[in-house]
Protein backbone atom coordinates (compact mmCIF):
# COMPACT_ATOMS: atom_id res chain seq x y z
CA MET A 1 0.10 0.21 -0.07
CA THR A 2 0.98 3.29 -0.68
CA SER A 3 0.00 6.93 -0.87
CA ARG A 4 0.72 8.10 -4.85
CA PHE A 5 -2.73 9.33 -5.07
CA THR A 6 -3.52 10.60 -2.17
CA GLY A 7 -6.23 13.66 -2.34
CA LYS A 8 -6.63 12.67 -6.52
CA VAL A 9 -9.73 12.32 -8.06
CA VAL A 10 -9.69 9.55 -10.16
CA LEU A 11 -12.31 9.11 -13.89
CA ILE A 12 -12.64 5.66 -15.32
CA SER A 13 -14.58 5.15 -17.64
CA GLY A 14 -15.57 1.33 -17.87
CA GLY A 15 -14.95 0.60 -14.67
CA GLY A 16 -17.80 -1.86 -14.49
CA SER A 17 -15.54 -4.83 -15.32
CA GLY A 18 -12.31 -5.75 -16.63
CA ILE A 19 -9.08 -3.15 -16.51
CA GLY A 20 -11.03 -0.47 -15.31
CA ARG A 21 -12.62 -2.01 -12.42
CA ALA A 22 -9.00 -3.00 -11.67
CA GLY A 23 -7.50 0.15 -12.26
CA ALA A 24 -10.38 1.67 -10.14
CA LEU A 25 -9.53 -0.56 -7.20
CA ALA A 26 -5.65 0.17 -7.68
CA PHE A 27 -6.25 3.79 -7.61
CA ALA A 28 -8.26 3.56 -4.28
CA ARG A 29 -5.98 1.48 -2.51
CA GLU A 30 -3.05 4.10 -3.39
CA GLY A 31 -5.28 6.82 -1.55
CA ALA A 32 -7.43 7.93 -4.46
CA THR A 33 -11.15 9.14 -4.53
CA VAL A 34 -12.53 7.18 -7.83
CA VAL A 35 -15.33 7.66 -9.98
CA VAL A 36 -16.28 4.66 -12.07
CA ALA A 37 -18.68 5.23 -15.52
CA GLY A 38 -20.02 3.37 -17.64
CA ARG A 39 -23.60 3.01 -18.92
CA ASN A 40 -25.25 -0.20 -16.57
CA ALA A 41 -25.14 1.02 -13.33
CA ASP A 42 -24.96 -2.43 -11.43
CA PRO A 43 -21.70 -3.34 -12.75
CA LEU A 44 -20.59 0.10 -11.29
CA ARG A 45 -22.08 -0.44 -7.70
CA GLU A 46 -20.51 -3.42 -7.81
CA THR A 47 -16.93 -1.76 -8.15
CA VAL A 48 -17.90 0.75 -5.44
CA ASP A 49 -18.86 -2.25 -3.30
CA LEU A 50 -15.47 -3.61 -4.10
CA ILE A 51 -13.37 -0.59 -3.47
CA GLU A 52 -15.74 0.97 -0.18
CA ALA A 53 -15.10 -2.78 1.99
CA GLU A 54 -11.18 -2.18 1.42
CA GLY A 55 -11.63 1.24 3.04
CA GLY A 56 -11.33 3.80 0.21
CA ARG A 57 -13.55 6.06 -1.20
CA ALA A 58 -15.43 6.03 -4.57
CA GLY A 59 -18.58 6.92 -6.77
CA ALA A 60 -20.51 5.78 -9.86
CA VAL A 61 -22.33 8.13 -12.08
CA THR A 62 -24.25 6.50 -15.31
CA ALA A 63 -22.72 7.32 -18.92
CA ASP A 64 -22.42 6.82 -22.34
CA VAL A 65 -19.38 7.92 -24.00
CA SER A 66 -20.19 8.09 -27.04
CA SER A 67 -22.93 10.94 -25.84
CA SER A 68 -21.16 14.40 -25.65
CA ARG A 69 -24.19 15.76 -22.80
CA ASP A 70 -23.59 12.34 -20.68
CA VAL A 71 -19.52 13.43 -20.85
CA ALA A 72 -20.38 16.64 -20.17
CA ARG A 73 -22.74 15.95 -17.09
CA LEU A 74 -20.38 12.95 -16.10
CA VAL A 75 -17.34 15.74 -15.70
CA THR A 76 -18.98 18.03 -13.53
CA THR A 77 -20.84 15.71 -11.62
CA THR A 78 -17.48 14.21 -10.74
CA VAL A 79 -16.03 17.81 -10.35
CA GLU A 80 -19.07 19.07 -7.76
CA ARG A 81 -19.38 16.00 -5.49
CA HIS A 82 -15.44 15.36 -5.33
CA GLY A 83 -13.75 18.58 -5.90
CA GLY A 84 -11.72 18.14 -8.89
CA LEU A 85 -10.61 16.02 -11.54
CA HIS A 86 -7.14 15.53 -11.31
CA ILE A 87 -6.55 12.06 -13.68
CA ALA A 88 -8.79 10.27 -15.98
CA PHE A 89 -8.51 6.69 -17.51
CA ASN A 90 -10.39 6.61 -20.79
CA ASN A 91 -10.88 2.63 -20.93
CA ALA A 92 -14.64 2.41 -22.06
CA GLY A 93 -14.25 0.42 -25.46
CA VAL A 94 -15.97 -2.71 -26.99
CA PHE A 95 -15.23 -5.92 -29.38
CA GLU A 96 -16.72 -6.63 -33.09
CA ALA A 97 -15.30 -9.14 -35.08
CA GLY A 98 -15.82 -10.53 -38.77
CA PRO A 99 -14.92 -10.09 -42.03
CA LEU A 100 -15.32 -6.44 -43.17
CA ALA A 101 -17.28 -7.27 -46.07
CA ASP A 102 -19.61 -8.76 -44.19
CA MET A 103 -19.45 -6.57 -40.98
CA ASP A 104 -23.01 -4.61 -40.52
CA GLU A 105 -22.85 -0.26 -41.15
CA ALA A 106 -24.59 -0.08 -37.36
CA ALA A 107 -22.06 -2.14 -36.04
CA TRP A 108 -19.26 -0.21 -37.69
CA ASP A 109 -20.70 3.06 -36.45
CA HIS A 110 -21.32 1.93 -32.66
CA LEU A 111 -17.64 0.92 -32.67
CA ILE A 112 -16.42 3.45 -33.79
CA ALA A 113 -19.25 5.88 -31.31
CA VAL A 114 -17.93 3.99 -28.58
CA ASN A 115 -14.29 3.45 -29.57
CA LEU A 116 -13.04 6.61 -30.76
CA THR A 117 -15.44 9.61 -30.72
CA GLY A 118 -16.23 8.18 -26.90
CA VAL A 119 -12.54 9.33 -26.08
CA PHE A 120 -12.65 12.63 -28.27
CA LEU A 121 -15.38 13.45 -26.25
CA SER A 122 -13.56 12.55 -22.93
CA MET A 123 -11.07 14.33 -23.69
CA LYS A 124 -12.30 17.06 -24.90
CA HIS A 125 -14.16 17.69 -21.54
CA GLN A 126 -11.50 16.90 -19.07
CA ILE A 127 -9.03 19.02 -21.12
CA ALA A 128 -11.16 21.83 -20.63
CA HIS A 129 -11.66 21.30 -16.95
CA MET A 130 -8.17 20.64 -16.46
CA ARG A 131 -6.20 23.67 -18.53
CA VAL A 132 -8.22 25.51 -15.78
CA ASN A 133 -7.54 24.18 -12.67
CA GLY A 134 -4.14 23.19 -12.77
CA GLY A 135 -3.43 20.39 -15.23
CA GLY A 136 -4.01 17.14 -14.93
CA VAL A 137 -3.30 13.68 -16.33
CA ILE A 138 -5.41 11.63 -19.15
CA VAL A 139 -4.54 7.80 -19.64
CA ASN A 140 -6.17 6.19 -22.73
CA THR A 141 -7.17 2.22 -23.82
CA ALA A 142 -6.03 1.46 -27.32
CA SER A 143 -5.29 -1.93 -27.99
CA ASN A 144 -1.85 -3.51 -29.73
CA LEU A 145 -3.76 -4.90 -32.40
CA GLY A 146 -4.40 -1.17 -33.34
CA ALA A 147 -1.34 0.84 -34.14
CA HIS A 148 1.29 -2.70 -33.66
CA MET A 149 -0.70 -5.27 -35.30
CA ARG A 150 -3.29 -6.32 -37.44
CA LEU A 151 -5.17 -9.91 -37.69
CA PRO A 152 -7.67 -10.77 -40.23
CA PHE A 153 -11.36 -10.14 -39.04
CA LEU A 154 -10.30 -7.42 -36.72
CA GLY A 155 -9.96 -4.43 -38.83
CA ALA A 156 -12.68 -2.31 -37.95
CA TYR A 157 -11.51 -3.08 -34.14
CA ALA A 158 -8.14 -2.46 -35.00
CA ALA A 159 -8.81 0.98 -36.95
CA SER A 160 -10.75 2.21 -33.98
CA LYS A 161 -7.64 1.53 -31.81
CA ALA A 162 -5.24 2.94 -33.74
CA ALA A 163 -6.94 5.84 -34.02
CA VAL A 164 -6.66 6.37 -30.23
CA SER A 165 -3.14 5.76 -30.11
CA ALA A 166 -3.00 8.81 -33.15
CA LEU A 167 -5.34 10.66 -31.40
CA SER A 168 -3.52 10.18 -27.70
CA ARG A 169 -0.58 11.38 -29.11
CA ALA A 170 -1.26 14.35 -31.18
CA ALA A 171 -3.45 15.66 -28.22
CA ALA A 172 -0.28 14.93 -25.96
CA ARG A 173 1.87 17.51 -27.81
CA GLU A 174 -1.17 19.85 -27.82
CA CYS A 175 -1.76 20.02 -23.93
CA ILE A 176 1.19 19.11 -22.16
CA GLY A 177 1.94 23.23 -22.74
CA GLN A 178 -0.85 23.45 -20.23
CA GLY A 179 -0.04 20.98 -17.78
CA ILE A 180 -1.91 17.89 -18.79
CA ARG A 181 0.12 14.98 -19.12
CA ILE A 182 -1.34 12.72 -21.51
CA ASN A 183 -0.42 8.76 -22.31
CA ALA A 184 -1.90 5.62 -23.77
CA ILE A 185 -1.51 1.88 -23.03
CA SER A 186 -2.22 -0.81 -25.57
CA PRO A 187 -2.58 -4.29 -24.02
CA GLY A 188 -2.23 -7.54 -25.65
CA PRO A 189 -5.13 -10.15 -24.23
CA VAL A 190 -5.63 -10.27 -20.60
CA ASP A 191 -7.22 -12.34 -18.65
CA THR A 192 -10.83 -10.75 -19.23
CA THR A 193 -13.71 -12.32 -21.27
CA MET A 194 -12.59 -10.07 -24.70
CA SER A 195 -9.78 -12.45 -24.77
CA LEU A 196 -11.99 -15.81 -24.74
CA ARG A 197 -12.99 -17.17 -28.62
CA PRO A 198 -16.74 -18.11 -28.76
CA GLY A 199 -17.04 -21.25 -26.78
CA GLU A 200 -13.71 -21.21 -25.32
CA SER A 201 -13.10 -21.96 -21.81
CA GLU A 202 -10.57 -20.48 -19.90
CA ASP A 203 -8.72 -23.74 -19.35
CA ALA A 204 -8.98 -23.80 -23.68
CA ARG A 205 -7.29 -20.03 -23.56
CA THR A 206 -4.80 -21.09 -21.36
CA GLU A 207 -3.54 -23.44 -24.02
CA ARG A 208 -3.97 -21.43 -26.88
CA MET A 209 -1.69 -18.85 -25.50
CA LYS A 210 0.55 -21.08 -24.43
CA ASP A 211 1.80 -21.30 -28.47
CA ALA A 212 0.21 -17.79 -29.17
CA LEU A 213 2.22 -15.16 -27.06
CA PRO A 214 5.58 -15.15 -26.89
CA ILE A 215 5.36 -14.89 -22.62
CA GLY A 216 2.98 -17.93 -22.84
CA ARG A 217 0.44 -16.69 -21.19
CA VAL A 218 -2.66 -13.50 -20.88
CA GLY A 219 -1.67 -10.66 -18.55
CA THR A 220 -3.27 -10.63 -15.30
CA LEU A 221 -5.65 -7.34 -14.74
CA ALA A 222 -3.22 -6.68 -11.77
CA GLU A 223 -0.45 -6.25 -14.22
CA ALA A 224 -2.73 -4.11 -16.74
CA ALA A 225 -3.69 -2.00 -13.61
CA SER A 226 -0.40 -1.59 -12.44
CA ALA A 227 0.82 0.02 -16.16
CA VAL A 228 -2.04 2.76 -15.81
CA LEU A 229 -1.25 4.02 -12.63
CA TRP A 230 2.53 3.66 -13.43
CA LEU A 231 1.57 6.25 -16.41
CA ALA A 232 -0.32 8.50 -13.95
CA SER A 233 2.11 8.68 -11.18
CA PRO A 234 4.66 11.26 -10.97
CA GLU A 235 7.24 8.84 -11.80
CA ALA A 236 6.20 8.46 -15.20
CA GLY A 237 6.40 12.80 -15.26
CA PHE A 238 8.57 13.09 -18.00
CA THR A 239 6.44 10.27 -20.45
CA VAL A 240 4.33 12.40 -22.77
CA GLY A 241 2.45 10.90 -25.81
CA HIS A 242 3.55 7.19 -25.37
CA ASP A 243 1.30 4.20 -26.29
CA LEU A 244 2.69 2.04 -23.57
CA VAL A 245 2.48 -1.61 -25.17
CA ILE A 246 1.42 -4.38 -22.64
CA ASP A 247 1.34 -7.72 -24.95
CA GLY A 248 3.79 -10.61 -23.18
CA GLY A 249 5.51 -9.76 -26.46
CA ALA A 250 3.31 -10.51 -28.92
CA THR A 251 4.53 -7.26 -30.79
CA ALA A 252 8.18 -7.57 -29.53
């Protein structure tokens, strides 16, 4: 237990599960007040309960990151309830796979709306607050399947995440002079349902990953969360516009 984030207010979208929930718990354990956001209230409440059971401070706000009105309300509510916004982890995302020629256009639109437009809208409203309130830190979730490698049948998802990487790096150059430090993470397969193929068990995934990844396993949620916390911490104070790949050597 450390206190790197004591006195900091951290906003995490996609905080009801996976890396978002792991990050929320990790930030809270290091002293932060954490606000988790997402479209469904029940998973967010579960995250808050887990944090509070450990003695941490947390709140939840339902919001759709593809809605500018929702994101503006999310930032305003966070500041009003908790006294500020110092760190944002823009992690909400959806996954879509399949041949491009067969992809429904509505599925493409939804993928881009959440994965890319959601990050744009989140940064837009977060930056507007941070630049007049002493700066801050933003970490966005991209993917190793975005700017770092390509696989068949994942073109749409890869395009959305490559764009997140590019947007994060451009925004970092634009905002560092205003005291806002922006970076991204690009996880490979981690221990979430997203890394499971349809109908695949966790044991079957374990066997597949022995050959699929140089490290021979999926990443843990704790490993992904620790990367986020490092980028958000003072120890990474000279790290600006970086896309940190966390994928067990898949893109090495």
